[in-house]
C-alpha atoms as a PDB file:
ATOM      1  CA  MET A   1       0.005   0.004  -0.037  1.00  0.00           C
ATOM      2  CA  THR A   2       1.308   3.471  -0.883  1.00  0.00           C
ATOM      3  CA  LEU A   3       1.960   5.662   2.077  1.00  0.00           C
ATOM      4  CA  GLY A   4      -0.205   8.773   2.120  1.00  0.00           C
ATOM      5  CA  ALA A   5      -2.149   7.683  -0.889  1.00  0.00           C
ATOM      6  CA  HIS A   6      -4.471  10.701  -0.550  1.00  0.00           C
ATOM      7  CA  SER A   7      -1.547  12.894  -1.335  1.00  0.00           C
ATOM      8  CA  THR A   8      -2.345  13.278  -5.082  1.00  0.00           C
ATOM      9  CA  THR A   9      -1.084  14.915  -8.181  1.00  0.00           C
ATOM     10  CA  GLU A  10      -4.483  15.480  -9.768  1.00  0.00           C
ATOM     11  CA  GLY A  11      -4.411  17.986 -12.653  1.00  0.00           C
ATOM     12  CA  VAL A  12      -0.723  17.384 -13.364  1.00  0.00           C
ATOM     13  CA  GLU A  13      -0.076  15.956 -16.743  1.00  0.00           C
ATOM     14  CA  ARG A  14       2.780  13.485 -17.040  1.00  0.00           C
ATOM     15  CA  THR A  15       4.340  12.571 -20.354  1.00  0.00           C
ATOM     16  CA  PRO A  16       7.056   9.965 -20.986  1.00  0.00           C
ATOM     17  CA  VAL A  17      10.434  11.374 -21.541  1.00  0.00           C
ATOM     18  CA  ALA A  18      11.874  11.351 -25.025  1.00  0.00           C
ATOM     19  CA  GLN A  19      14.482   8.583 -25.252  1.00  0.00           C
ATOM     20  CA  GLY A  20      18.135   9.484 -25.417  1.00  0.00           C
ATOM     21  CA  ALA A  21      20.982  10.132 -22.864  1.00  0.00           C
ATOM     22  CA  ASP A  22      18.381  10.689 -20.179  1.00  0.00           C
ATOM     23  CA  GLY A  23      15.945   7.817 -20.396  1.00  0.00           C
ATOM     24  CA  LEU A  24      15.423   4.155 -21.293  1.00  0.00           C
ATOM     25  CA  ASP A  25      14.058   2.704 -24.485  1.00  0.00           C
ATOM     26  CA  GLU A  26      11.530  -0.132 -24.517  1.00  0.00           C
ATOM     27  CA  ALA A  27      14.147  -2.865 -24.955  1.00  0.00           C
ATOM     28  CA  ALA A  28      16.072  -1.676 -21.930  1.00  0.00           C
ATOM     29  CA  LEU A  29      12.881  -1.529 -19.839  1.00  0.00           C
ATOM     30  CA  GLU A  30      11.935  -5.040 -20.963  1.00  0.00           C
ATOM     31  CA  ALA A  31      15.397  -6.381 -19.932  1.00  0.00           C
ATOM     32  CA  VAL A  32      14.995  -4.775 -16.454  1.00  0.00           C
ATOM     33  CA  ARG A  33      11.504  -6.273 -16.103  1.00  0.00           C
ATOM     34  CA  GLU A  34      12.567  -9.748 -17.158  1.00  0.00           C
ATOM     35  CA  THR A  35      15.496  -9.798 -14.865  1.00  0.00           C
ATOM     36  CA  ALA A  36      13.416  -8.529 -11.900  1.00  0.00           C
ATOM     37  CA  ALA A  37      10.559 -11.015 -12.614  1.00  0.00           C
ATOM     38  CA  GLY A  38      13.009 -13.883 -12.801  1.00  0.00           C
ATOM     39  CA  ILE A  39      14.583 -13.124  -9.466  1.00  0.00           C
ATOM     40  CA  HIS A  40      11.205 -12.386  -7.874  1.00  0.00           C
ATOM     41  CA  GLY A  41       9.775 -15.627  -9.121  1.00  0.00           C
ATOM     42  CA  ALA A  42      12.725 -17.613  -7.848  1.00  0.00           C
ATOM     43  CA  ILE A  43      12.536 -16.089  -4.325  1.00  0.00           C
ATOM     44  CA  SER A  44       8.791 -16.630  -4.171  1.00  0.00           C
ATOM     45  CA  THR A  45       9.273 -20.443  -4.495  1.00  0.00           C
ATOM     46  CA  VAL A  46      10.984 -20.268  -1.080  1.00  0.00           C
ATOM     47  CA  ILE A  47       9.262 -17.357   0.684  1.00  0.00           C
ATOM     48  CA  GLU A  48       5.426 -17.787   0.846  1.00  0.00           C
ATOM     49  CA  GLY A  49       2.983 -14.885   0.999  1.00  0.00           C
ATOM     50  CA  LYS A  50       5.452 -12.009   1.272  1.00  0.00           C
ATOM     51  CA  GLU A  51       5.179 -10.482  -2.164  1.00  0.00           C
ATOM     52  CA  GLU A  52       5.822  -6.882  -1.100  1.00  0.00           C
ATOM     53  CA  ALA A  53       8.885  -7.775   0.933  1.00  0.00           C
ATOM     54  CA  VAL A  54      10.296  -9.786  -2.002  1.00  0.00           C
ATOM     55  CA  ARG A  55       9.544  -6.910  -4.383  1.00  0.00           C
ATOM     56  CA  THR A  56      11.304  -4.478  -2.145  1.00  0.00           C
ATOM     57  CA  ALA A  57      14.360  -6.740  -1.941  1.00  0.00           C
ATOM     58  CA  VAL A  58      14.610  -6.967  -5.734  1.00  0.00           C
ATOM     59  CA  THR A  59      14.118  -3.202  -6.010  1.00  0.00           C
ATOM     60  CA  VAL A  60      17.010  -2.519  -3.644  1.00  0.00           C
ATOM     61  CA  LEU A  61      19.209  -5.046  -5.541  1.00  0.00           C
ATOM     62  CA  LEU A  62      18.621  -3.292  -8.851  1.00  0.00           C
ATOM     63  CA  ALA A  63      18.925   0.165  -7.257  1.00  0.00           C
ATOM     64  CA  GLU A  64      22.433  -0.887  -6.109  1.00  0.00           C
ATOM     65  CA  GLY A  65      21.602  -0.382  -2.455  1.00  0.00           C
ATOM     66  CA  HIS A  66      21.786  -2.570   0.661  1.00  0.00           C
ATOM     67  CA  LEU A  67      18.892  -4.140   2.574  1.00  0.00           C
ATOM     68  CA  LEU A  68      18.223  -4.570   6.272  1.00  0.00           C
ATOM     69  CA  VAL A  69      15.686  -7.214   7.266  1.00  0.00           C
ATOM     70  CA  GLU A  70      14.510  -6.749  10.869  1.00  0.00           C
ATOM     71  CA  ASP A  71      12.140  -9.095  12.655  1.00  0.00           C
ATOM     72  CA  VAL A  72      11.777 -11.653  15.396  1.00  0.00           C
ATOM     73  CA  PRO A  73      13.522 -15.000  15.024  1.00  0.00           C
ATOM     74  CA  GLY A  74      12.043 -17.704  12.855  1.00  0.00           C
ATOM     75  CA  VAL A  75      10.007 -15.716  10.265  1.00  0.00           C
ATOM     76  CA  GLY A  76      12.323 -16.307   7.308  1.00  0.00           C
ATOM     77  CA  LYS A  77      14.814 -13.389   7.384  1.00  0.00           C
ATOM     78  CA  THR A  78      17.833 -15.493   6.567  1.00  0.00           C
ATOM     79  CA  MET A  79      15.892 -17.676   4.123  1.00  0.00           C
ATOM     80  CA  LEU A  80      14.896 -14.505   2.143  1.00  0.00           C
ATOM     81  CA  ALA A  81      18.536 -13.361   2.011  1.00  0.00           C
ATOM     82  CA  LYS A  82      19.828 -16.782   0.980  1.00  0.00           C
ATOM     83  CA  ALA A  83      17.136 -17.202  -1.657  1.00  0.00           C
ATOM     84  CA  LEU A  84      18.032 -13.856  -3.292  1.00  0.00           C
ATOM     85  CA  ALA A  85      21.685 -14.814  -3.265  1.00  0.00           C
ATOM     86  CA  ARG A  86      21.042 -18.184  -4.795  1.00  0.00           C
ATOM     87  CA  ALA A  87      18.828 -16.717  -7.525  1.00  0.00           C
ATOM     88  CA  ILE A  88      21.936 -14.968  -8.954  1.00  0.00           C
ATOM     89  CA  ASP A  89      24.841 -16.888 -10.344  1.00  0.00           C
ATOM     90  CA  CYS A  90      27.506 -14.858  -8.586  1.00  0.00           C
ATOM     91  CA  ARG A  91      29.886 -14.954  -5.708  1.00  0.00           C
ATOM     92  CA  VAL A  92      28.060 -15.173  -2.373  1.00  0.00           C
ATOM     93  CA  SER A  93      29.421 -15.138   1.170  1.00  0.00           C
ATOM     94  CA  ARG A  94      27.636 -15.465   4.477  1.00  0.00           C
ATOM     95  CA  VAL A  95      28.816 -13.903   7.737  1.00  0.00           C
ATOM     96  CA  GLN A  96      27.327 -15.161  11.001  1.00  0.00           C
ATOM     97  CA  PHE A  97      27.721 -12.131  13.278  1.00  0.00           C
ATOM     98  CA  THR A  98      28.584 -13.150  16.827  1.00  0.00           C
ATOM     99  CA  PRO A  99      30.107 -11.194  19.820  1.00  0.00           C
ATOM    100  CA  ASP A 100      33.674 -12.624  19.082  1.00  0.00           C
ATOM    101  CA  LEU A 101      33.656 -11.812  15.319  1.00  0.00           C
ATOM    102  CA  LEU A 102      36.595  -9.576  14.411  1.00  0.00           C
ATOM    103  CA  PRO A 103      36.686  -6.730  11.830  1.00  0.00           C
ATOM    104  CA  SER A 104      39.411  -8.593  10.012  1.00  0.00           C
ATOM    105  CA  ASP A 105      37.084 -11.529   9.553  1.00  0.00           C
ATOM    106  CA  ILE A 106      34.968  -9.290   7.358  1.00  0.00           C
ATOM    107  CA  THR A 107      37.482  -7.092   5.589  1.00  0.00           C
ATOM    108  CA  GLY A 108      40.492  -9.365   5.376  1.00  0.00           C
ATOM    109  CA  VAL A 109      43.974  -9.254   6.673  1.00  0.00           C
ATOM    110  CA  SER A 110      47.560  -8.945   5.519  1.00  0.00           C
ATOM    111  CA  VAL A 111      49.703 -12.036   6.199  1.00  0.00           C
ATOM    112  CA  PHE A 112      53.454 -12.290   5.957  1.00  0.00           C
ATOM    113  CA  ASN A 113      54.655 -14.756   3.376  1.00  0.00           C
ATOM    114  CA  GLN A 114      57.933 -16.471   4.345  1.00  0.00           C
ATOM    115  CA  ASP A 115      58.681 -17.367   0.746  1.00  0.00           C
ATOM    116  CA  THR A 116      58.292 -13.916  -0.838  1.00  0.00           C
ATOM    117  CA  ARG A 117      59.450 -12.122   2.365  1.00  0.00           C
ATOM    118  CA  GLY A 118      56.442  -9.781   2.003  1.00  0.00           C
ATOM    119  CA  PHE A 119      52.907  -9.282   3.063  1.00  0.00           C
ATOM    120  CA  GLU A 120      49.978 -10.701   1.107  1.00  0.00           C
ATOM    121  CA  PHE A 121      46.418  -9.610   1.470  1.00  0.00           C
ATOM    122  CA  ARG A 122      43.830 -12.292   2.175  1.00  0.00           C
ATOM    123  CA  PRO A 123      40.365 -11.095   1.365  1.00  0.00           C
ATOM    124  CA  GLY A 124      37.637 -11.411   3.967  1.00  0.00           C
ATOM    125  CA  ALA A 125      34.030 -12.348   3.659  1.00  0.00           C
ATOM    126  CA  ILE A 126      32.992  -8.885   2.307  1.00  0.00           C
ATOM    127  CA  PHE A 127      34.646  -9.741  -1.080  1.00  0.00           C
ATOM    128  CA  ALA A 128      31.520 -11.133  -2.793  1.00  0.00           C
ATOM    129  CA  ASN A 129      28.668  -9.878  -4.996  1.00  0.00           C
ATOM    130  CA  VAL A 130      26.031 -10.718  -2.376  1.00  0.00           C
ATOM    131  CA  VAL A 131      27.038 -10.719   1.268  1.00  0.00           C
ATOM    132  CA  VAL A 132      24.527 -12.214   3.733  1.00  0.00           C
ATOM    133  CA  GLY A 133      25.106 -10.794   7.213  1.00  0.00           C
ATOM    134  CA  ASP A 134      23.142 -12.952   9.600  1.00  0.00           C
ATOM    135  CA  GLU A 135      22.063 -11.308  12.896  1.00  0.00           C
ATOM    136  CA  ILE A 136      24.227  -8.257  12.269  1.00  0.00           C
ATOM    137  CA  ASN A 137      23.387  -6.660  15.625  1.00  0.00           C
ATOM    138  CA  ARG A 138      24.842  -9.527  17.655  1.00  0.00           C
ATOM    139  CA  ALA A 139      28.341  -8.351  16.864  1.00  0.00           C
ATOM    140  CA  SER A 140      30.113  -5.534  18.686  1.00  0.00           C
ATOM    141  CA  PRO A 141      29.828  -1.989  17.391  1.00  0.00           C
ATOM    142  CA  LYS A 142      33.544  -2.139  16.399  1.00  0.00           C
ATOM    143  CA  THR A 143      32.868  -5.143  14.136  1.00  0.00           C
ATOM    144  CA  GLN A 144      29.731  -3.593  12.729  1.00  0.00           C
ATOM    145  CA  SER A 145      31.683  -0.537  11.769  1.00  0.00           C
ATOM    146  CA  ALA A 146      33.952  -2.616   9.575  1.00  0.00           C
ATOM    147  CA  LEU A 147      31.215  -2.607   7.005  1.00  0.00           C
ATOM    148  CA  LEU A 148      30.937   1.209   6.742  1.00  0.00           C
ATOM    149  CA  GLU A 149      33.544   1.864   4.009  1.00  0.00           C
ATOM    150  CA  SER A 150      32.575  -1.178   2.004  1.00  0.00           C
ATOM    151  CA  MET A 151      28.868  -0.322   1.975  1.00  0.00           C
ATOM    152  CA  GLU A 152      29.345   3.269   0.969  1.00  0.00           C
ATOM    153  CA  GLU A 153      32.389   3.229  -1.283  1.00  0.00           C
ATOM    154  CA  ARG A 154      32.385  -0.345  -2.367  1.00  0.00           C
ATOM    155  CA  GLN A 155      35.962  -0.760  -1.426  1.00  0.00           C
ATOM    156  CA  VAL A 156      38.052  -1.934   1.535  1.00  0.00           C
ATOM    157  CA  THR A 157      41.208  -0.264   2.966  1.00  0.00           C
ATOM    158  CA  VAL A 158      43.555  -2.586   4.887  1.00  0.00           C
ATOM    159  CA  ASP A 159      47.054  -1.472   6.059  1.00  0.00           C
ATOM    160  CA  GLY A 160      46.865   1.613   3.833  1.00  0.00           C
ATOM    161  CA  THR A 161      46.026  -0.254   0.621  1.00  0.00           C
ATOM    162  CA  THR A 162      42.595   0.051  -1.018  1.00  0.00           C
ATOM    163  CA  HIS A 163      40.953  -2.984  -2.605  1.00  0.00           C
ATOM    164  CA  ALA A 164      37.929  -2.679  -4.872  1.00  0.00           C
ATOM    165  CA  LEU A 165      34.866  -4.829  -4.291  1.00  0.00           C
ATOM    166  CA  PRO A 166      33.146  -6.759  -7.108  1.00  0.00           C
ATOM    167  CA  ARG A 167      30.097  -5.377  -8.855  1.00  0.00           C
ATOM    168  CA  PRO A 168      27.157  -5.665  -8.256  1.00  0.00           C
ATOM    169  CA  PHE A 169      27.646  -5.500  -4.498  1.00  0.00           C
ATOM    170  CA  LEU A 170      24.814  -6.070  -2.089  1.00  0.00           C
ATOM    171  CA  VAL A 171      24.921  -6.426   1.675  1.00  0.00           C
ATOM    172  CA  MET A 172      21.651  -8.076   2.890  1.00  0.00           C
ATOM    173  CA  ALA A 173      21.709  -8.130   6.614  1.00  0.00           C
ATOM    174  CA  THR A 174      19.238  -9.573   9.085  1.00  0.00           C
ATOM    175  CA  GLN A 175      18.800  -8.392  12.642  1.00  0.00           C
ATOM    176  CA  ASN A 176      16.619  -9.196  15.600  1.00  0.00           C
ATOM    177  CA  PRO A 177      14.703  -6.445  17.374  1.00  0.00           C
ATOM    178  CA  ILE A 178      17.024  -4.587  19.871  1.00  0.00           C
ATOM    179  CA  GLU A 179      14.874  -5.706  22.759  1.00  0.00           C
ATOM    180  CA  MET A 180      16.116  -9.324  22.218  1.00  0.00           C
ATOM    181  CA  GLU A 181      18.837 -10.599  24.492  1.00  0.00           C
ATOM    182  CA  GLY A 182      22.459 -10.253  23.316  1.00  0.00           C
ATOM    183  CA  THR A 183      21.888  -7.537  20.715  1.00  0.00           C
ATOM    184  CA  TYR A 184      23.592  -4.205  20.080  1.00  0.00           C
ATOM    185  CA  PRO A 185      21.853  -1.314  18.386  1.00  0.00           C
ATOM    186  CA  LEU A 186      23.274  -0.438  14.968  1.00  0.00           C
ATOM    187  CA  PRO A 187      25.031   2.906  14.887  1.00  0.00           C
ATOM    188  CA  GLU A 188      23.184   5.647  13.117  1.00  0.00           C
ATOM    189  CA  ALA A 189      25.921   5.912  10.495  1.00  0.00           C
ATOM    190  CA  GLN A 190      25.501   2.210   9.612  1.00  0.00           C
ATOM    191  CA  ARG A 191      21.678   2.302   9.542  1.00  0.00           C
ATOM    192  CA  ASP A 192      21.992   5.263   7.068  1.00  0.00           C
ATOM    193  CA  ARG A 193      23.968   3.084   4.645  1.00  0.00           C
ATOM    194  CA  PHE A 194      21.165   0.662   4.222  1.00  0.00           C
ATOM    195  CA  MET A 195      18.984   1.801   1.436  1.00  0.00           C
ATOM    196  CA  ALA A 196      15.853   0.165   2.922  1.00  0.00           C
ATOM    197  CA  ARG A 197      14.618  -1.755   5.866  1.00  0.00           C
ATOM    198  CA  ILE A 198      11.792  -4.336   5.730  1.00  0.00           C
ATOM    199  CA  SER A 199      10.061  -6.689   8.157  1.00  0.00           C
ATOM    200  CA  LEU A 200       8.560 -10.020   7.097  1.00  0.00           C
ATOM    201  CA  GLY A 201       6.087 -10.506   9.904  1.00  0.00           C
ATOM    202  CA  TYR A 202       4.367 -13.814  10.588  1.00  0.00           C
ATOM    203  CA  PRO A 203       2.876 -15.653   7.633  1.00  0.00           C
ATOM    204  CA  GLY A 204      -0.854 -15.986   7.199  1.00  0.00           C
ATOM    205  CA  PRO A 205      -2.479 -19.350   7.953  1.00  0.00           C
ATOM    206  CA  ALA A 206      -2.579 -20.407   4.265  1.00  0.00           C
ATOM    207  CA  ALA A 207       1.057 -19.463   3.743  1.00  0.00           C
ATOM    208  CA  GLU A 208       2.181 -21.245   6.887  1.00  0.00           C
ATOM    209  CA  LEU A 209       0.219 -24.450   5.887  1.00  0.00           C
ATOM    210  CA  ALA A 210       1.857 -24.303   2.371  1.00  0.00           C
ATOM    211  CA  MET A 211       5.233 -23.883   4.137  1.00  0.00           C
ATOM    212  CA  LEU A 212       4.648 -26.927   6.338  1.00  0.00           C
ATOM    213  CA  ALA A 213       3.692 -29.018   3.281  1.00  0.00           C
ATOM    214  CA  SER A 214       6.655 -27.913   1.080  1.00  0.00           C
ATOM    215  CA  HIS A 215       9.461 -27.420   3.599  1.00  0.00           C
ATOM    216  CA  GLY A 216       8.706 -30.583   5.556  1.00  0.00           C
ATOM    217  CA  GLU A 217       9.812 -32.794   2.664  1.00  0.00           C
ATOM    218  CA  GLN A 218      12.926 -31.050   1.487  1.00  0.00           C
ATOM    219  CA  ASP A 219      14.917 -27.817   1.738  1.00  0.00           C
ATOM    220  CA  PRO A 220      13.364 -25.442  -0.804  1.00  0.00           C
ATOM    221  CA  LEU A 221      16.691 -23.717  -1.316  1.00  0.00           C
ATOM    222  CA  ALA A 222      18.119 -26.944  -2.691  1.00  0.00           C
ATOM    223  CA  ALA A 223      15.754 -26.779  -5.630  1.00  0.00           C
ATOM    224  CA  LEU A 224      16.343 -23.084  -6.321  1.00  0.00           C
ATOM    225  CA  THR A 225      18.553 -22.625  -9.389  1.00  0.00           C
ATOM    226  CA  PRO A 226      20.098 -19.224 -10.582  1.00  0.00           C
ATOM    227  CA  VAL A 227      17.898 -17.293 -13.073  1.00  0.00           C
ATOM    228  CA  THR A 228      20.455 -14.687 -13.932  1.00  0.00           C
ATOM    229  CA  ASN A 229      24.144 -13.760 -13.351  1.00  0.00           C
ATOM    230  CA  ALA A 230      26.159 -10.966 -11.929  1.00  0.00           C
ATOM    231  CA  GLU A 231      26.946  -9.361 -15.323  1.00  0.00           C
ATOM    232  CA  ASN A 232      23.269  -9.109 -16.239  1.00  0.00           C
ATOM    233  CA  VAL A 233      22.306  -7.727 -12.856  1.00  0.00           C
ATOM    234  CA  GLN A 234      25.013  -4.988 -13.162  1.00  0.00           C
ATOM    235  CA  ALA A 235      23.802  -4.179 -16.671  1.00  0.00           C
ATOM    236  CA  GLN A 236      20.236  -3.547 -15.337  1.00  0.00           C
ATOM    237  CA  VAL A 237      21.646  -1.474 -12.521  1.00  0.00           C
ATOM    238  CA  LEU A 238      23.369   0.773 -15.017  1.00  0.00           C
ATOM    239  CA  SER A 239      20.197   0.970 -17.131  1.00  0.00           C
ATOM    240  CA  ILE A 240      18.061   1.996 -14.212  1.00  0.00           C
ATOM    241  CA  ARG A 241      20.481   4.905 -13.382  1.00  0.00           C
ATOM    242  CA  ARG A 242      19.434   6.444 -16.725  1.00  0.00           C
ATOM    243  CA  LEU A 243      15.746   6.389 -16.018  1.00  0.00           C
ATOM    244  CA  HIS A 244      14.319   9.882 -16.142  1.00  0.00           C
ATOM    245  CA  ALA A 245      13.458  11.839 -12.956  1.00  0.00           C
ATOM    246  CA  SER A 246      12.156  15.397 -13.571  1.00  0.00           C
ATOM    247  CA  PRO A 247      13.539  18.399 -11.708  1.00  0.00           C
ATOM    248  CA  ALA A 248      10.151  18.799  -9.951  1.00  0.00           C
ATOM    249  CA  LEU A 249      10.286  15.092  -8.891  1.00  0.00           C
ATOM    250  CA  ARG A 250      13.726  15.526  -7.493  1.00  0.00           C
ATOM    251  CA  ARG A 251      12.543  18.577  -5.644  1.00  0.00           C
ATOM    252  CA  TYR A 252       9.767  16.502  -4.107  1.00  0.00           C
ATOM    253  CA  VAL A 253      12.335  14.062  -2.767  1.00  0.00           C
ATOM    254  CA  VAL A 254      14.354  16.912  -1.212  1.00  0.00           C
ATOM    255  CA  ASP A 255      11.198  18.454   0.215  1.00  0.00           C
ATOM    256  CA  LEU A 256      10.252  15.167   1.980  1.00  0.00           C
ATOM    257  CA  CYS A 257      13.716  14.852   3.480  1.00  0.00           C
ATOM    258  CA  THR A 258      13.910  18.501   4.477  1.00  0.00           C
ATOM    259  CA  ALA A 259      10.509  18.253   6.190  1.00  0.00           C
ATOM    260  CA  SER A 260      11.841  15.376   8.268  1.00  0.00           C
ATOM    261  CA  ARG A 261      14.567  17.518   9.661  1.00  0.00           C
ATOM    262  CA  ARG A 262      12.038  20.026  10.928  1.00  0.00           C
ATOM    263  CA  HIS A 263       9.479  17.578  12.222  1.00  0.00           C
ATOM    264  CA  ASP A 264       8.478  18.142  15.872  1.00  0.00           C
ATOM    265  CA  LEU A 265       8.502  14.369  16.694  1.00  0.00           C
ATOM    266  CA  LEU A 266      12.137  13.801  15.370  1.00  0.00           C
ATOM    267  CA  ARG A 267      15.442  14.581  16.847  1.00  0.00           C
ATOM    268  CA  LEU A 268      17.219  13.210  13.737  1.00  0.00           C
ATOM    269  CA  GLY A 269      15.751  13.488  10.314  1.00  0.00           C
ATOM    270  CA  ALA A 270      16.643  11.979   6.916  1.00  0.00           C
ATOM    271  CA  SER A 271      20.175  12.701   5.667  1.00  0.00           C
ATOM    272  CA  PRO A 272      21.230  13.746   2.152  1.00  0.00           C
ATOM    273  CA  ARG A 273      22.221  10.200   1.612  1.00  0.00           C
ATOM    274  CA  ALA A 274      18.674   9.205   2.354  1.00  0.00           C
ATOM    275  CA  ALA A 275      17.478  11.531  -0.453  1.00  0.00           C
ATOM    276  CA  LEU A 276      19.866   9.845  -2.824  1.00  0.00           C
ATOM    277  CA  HIS A 277      18.729   6.440  -1.848  1.00  0.00           C
ATOM    278  CA  LEU A 278      15.021   7.390  -2.125  1.00  0.00           C
ATOM    279  CA  LEU A 279      15.540   8.616  -5.691  1.00  0.00           C
ATOM    280  CA  ARG A 280      17.527   5.617  -6.743  1.00  0.00           C
ATOM    281  CA  ALA A 281      14.980   3.234  -5.279  1.00  0.00           C
ATOM    282  CA  ALA A 282      12.178   5.154  -6.930  1.00  0.00           C
ATOM    283  CA  ARG A 283      13.939   4.811 -10.250  1.00  0.00           C
ATOM    284  CA  ALA A 284      14.119   1.086  -9.848  1.00  0.00           C
ATOM    285  CA  HIS A 285      10.435   0.886  -8.739  1.00  0.00           C
ATOM    286  CA  ALA A 286       9.423   2.792 -11.853  1.00  0.00           C
ATOM    287  CA  ALA A 287      11.412   0.498 -14.142  1.00  0.00           C
ATOM    288  CA  LEU A 288       9.952  -2.607 -12.503  1.00  0.00           C
ATOM    289  CA  GLY A 289       6.515  -1.059 -13.215  1.00  0.00           C
ATOM    290  CA  GLY A 290       7.336  -0.668 -16.841  1.00  0.00           C
ATOM    291  CA  ARG A 291       7.633   3.154 -16.800  1.00  0.00           C
ATOM    292  CA  ASP A 292      10.475   5.145 -18.366  1.00  0.00           C
ATOM    293  CA  HIS A 293      10.112   7.964 -15.878  1.00  0.00           C
ATOM    294  CA  VAL A 294       9.635   8.334 -12.056  1.00  0.00           C
ATOM    295  CA  ILE A 295       6.347   9.561 -10.631  1.00  0.00           C
ATOM    296  CA  PRO A 296       5.500  10.796  -7.111  1.00  0.00           C
ATOM    297  CA  GLU A 297       3.720   7.485  -6.327  1.00  0.00           C
ATOM    298  CA  ASP A 298       7.104   5.650  -6.704  1.00  0.00           C
ATOM    299  CA  VAL A 299       8.588   7.955  -4.117  1.00  0.00           C
ATOM    300  CA  GLN A 300       5.587   7.668  -1.757  1.00  0.00           C
ATOM    301  CA  HIS A 301       5.494   3.867  -2.028  1.00  0.00           C
ATOM    302  CA  LEU A 302       9.125   3.595  -0.926  1.00  0.00           C
ATOM    303  CA  ALA A 303       9.258   6.404   1.533  1.00  0.00           C
ATOM    304  CA  GLY A 304       8.572   4.105   4.492  1.00  0.00           C
ATOM    305  CA  PRO A 305      11.126   1.377   3.803  1.00  0.00           C
ATOM    306  CA  VAL A 306      13.832   3.913   2.843  1.00  0.00           C
ATOM    307  CA  LEU A 307      13.352   6.651   5.426  1.00  0.00           C
ATOM    308  CA  ALA A 308      11.838   5.218   8.606  1.00  0.00           C
ATOM    309  CA  HIS A 309      14.849   3.256   9.838  1.00  0.00           C
ATOM    310  CA  ARG A 310      17.008   6.482   9.708  1.00  0.00           C
ATOM    311  CA  LEU A 311      14.743   8.592  11.863  1.00  0.00           C
ATOM    312  CA  LEU A 312      15.146   9.031  15.653  1.00  0.00           C
ATOM    313  CA  LEU A 313      12.094   9.962  17.607  1.00  0.00           C
ATOM    314  CA  THR A 314      12.025  12.489  20.426  1.00  0.00           C
ATOM    315  CA  GLY A 315      11.336  11.303  23.935  1.00  0.00           C
ATOM    316  CA  GLU A 316       7.836  12.815  23.785  1.00  0.00           C
ATOM    317  CA  ALA A 317       7.073  10.869  20.586  1.00  0.00           C
ATOM    318  CA  GLN A 318       8.282   7.616  22.169  1.00  0.00           C
ATOM    319  CA  LEU A 319       6.070   8.159  25.208  1.00  0.00           C
ATOM    320  CA  ALA A 320       3.108   8.809  22.889  1.00  0.00           C
ATOM    321  CA  ARG A 321       3.889   5.482  21.263  1.00  0.00           C
ATOM    322  CA  ARG A 322       4.471   7.059  17.853  1.00  0.00           C
ATOM    323  CA  THR A 323       6.657   5.176  15.373  1.00  0.00           C
ATOM    324  CA  PRO A 324       8.972   6.371  12.585  1.00  0.00           C
ATOM    325  CA  HIS A 325       6.502   4.885  10.086  1.00  0.00           C
ATOM    326  CA  ASP A 326       3.818   7.118  11.568  1.00  0.00           C
ATOM    327  CA  VAL A 327       6.095  10.119  10.980  1.00  0.00           C
ATOM    328  CA  VAL A 328       6.853   9.133   7.394  1.00  0.00           C
ATOM    329  CA  THR A 329       3.111   8.820   6.717  1.00  0.00           C
ATOM    330  CA  ASP A 330       2.610  12.273   8.140  1.00  0.00           C
ATOM    331  CA  LEU A 331       5.462  13.647   6.009  1.00  0.00           C
ATOM    332  CA  VAL A 332       3.982  12.118   2.810  1.00  0.00           C
ATOM    333  CA  ARG A 333       0.512  13.453   3.727  1.00  0.00           C
ATOM    334  CA  HIS A 334       1.624  17.037   4.327  1.00  0.00           C
ATOM    335  CA  THR A 335       4.420  17.533   1.826  1.00  0.00           C
ATOM    336  CA  PRO A 336       2.953  19.019  -1.407  1.00  0.00           C
ATOM    337  CA  VAL A 337       3.733  17.438  -4.688  1.00  0.00           C
ATOM    338  CA  PRO A 338       5.395  20.075  -6.994  1.00  0.00           C
ATOM    339  CA  SER A 339       3.658  20.851 -10.288  1.00  0.00           C
ATOM    340  CA  GLY A 340       5.182  18.766 -13.054  1.00  0.00           C
ATOM    341  CA  ALA A 341       6.542  16.042 -10.833  1.00  0.00           C
END
């Protein structure tokens, strides 16, 4: 459901952008849709009844972002991450975050080679196209921070030497609610590097019955075969970057983020990085919908997953039992859509 759906753009005429340097032709859009549909279909054979969560995961992948999946244990967070990774024929690594995990386990370490009488770099788990970080908030803040450079700059610096990471590069991390025993809250700087956060929630009765029938006989991941490869995914990522977003639409994204910084219920609003992520995610959402340009509804649809996890409520808002998603809904409702967006 689109957040703030009553915030309309009635009376505003939208026309597709002329194809060229700024825009996608029909063939490029079809390639994006085919790739997205293949990945979505493969994941859906494993994850029952969570179409919106799966769609958001595919959107983040093609927007070249990172995804945080937060929920209680046992609802399929890790299964979703592993299914997305297996749907792509690429290099995948999994990191089980524990209190004794070291930063060098993630980034890599320089080891002295007796034969060459020099140091050699041994890459850590971060050197993969898809990195599944399981229970990321069970590691210490120091270890969590080892991901900061790689998630933002897609590179790792060890002992003064910078090593580029493969493309595409996606960190898909799961975490338990911070009220759970043995968890550490993610630093604000790290939460801000995740393009979106989703929750799966408990499945409906029909989906849970289907899960018992299918998962009881065999591991559904064993039957999942790749439907695309890293090169094709990266090609679609580059295509989506060219999708047209009008100046008025970009102004709308900025207005939403600016309004969050002035909201009475927030002590920390959306960062400029959040605005960039929201626009990139909206471009991917538009492409998956078969459109060659972004419309305000793309932004509104993704405002919750992209912005809510970055916002910090005031003490008064917490006492009133307001949530960041409540604030995002309020922002969408009261932020005017510029003419021509």
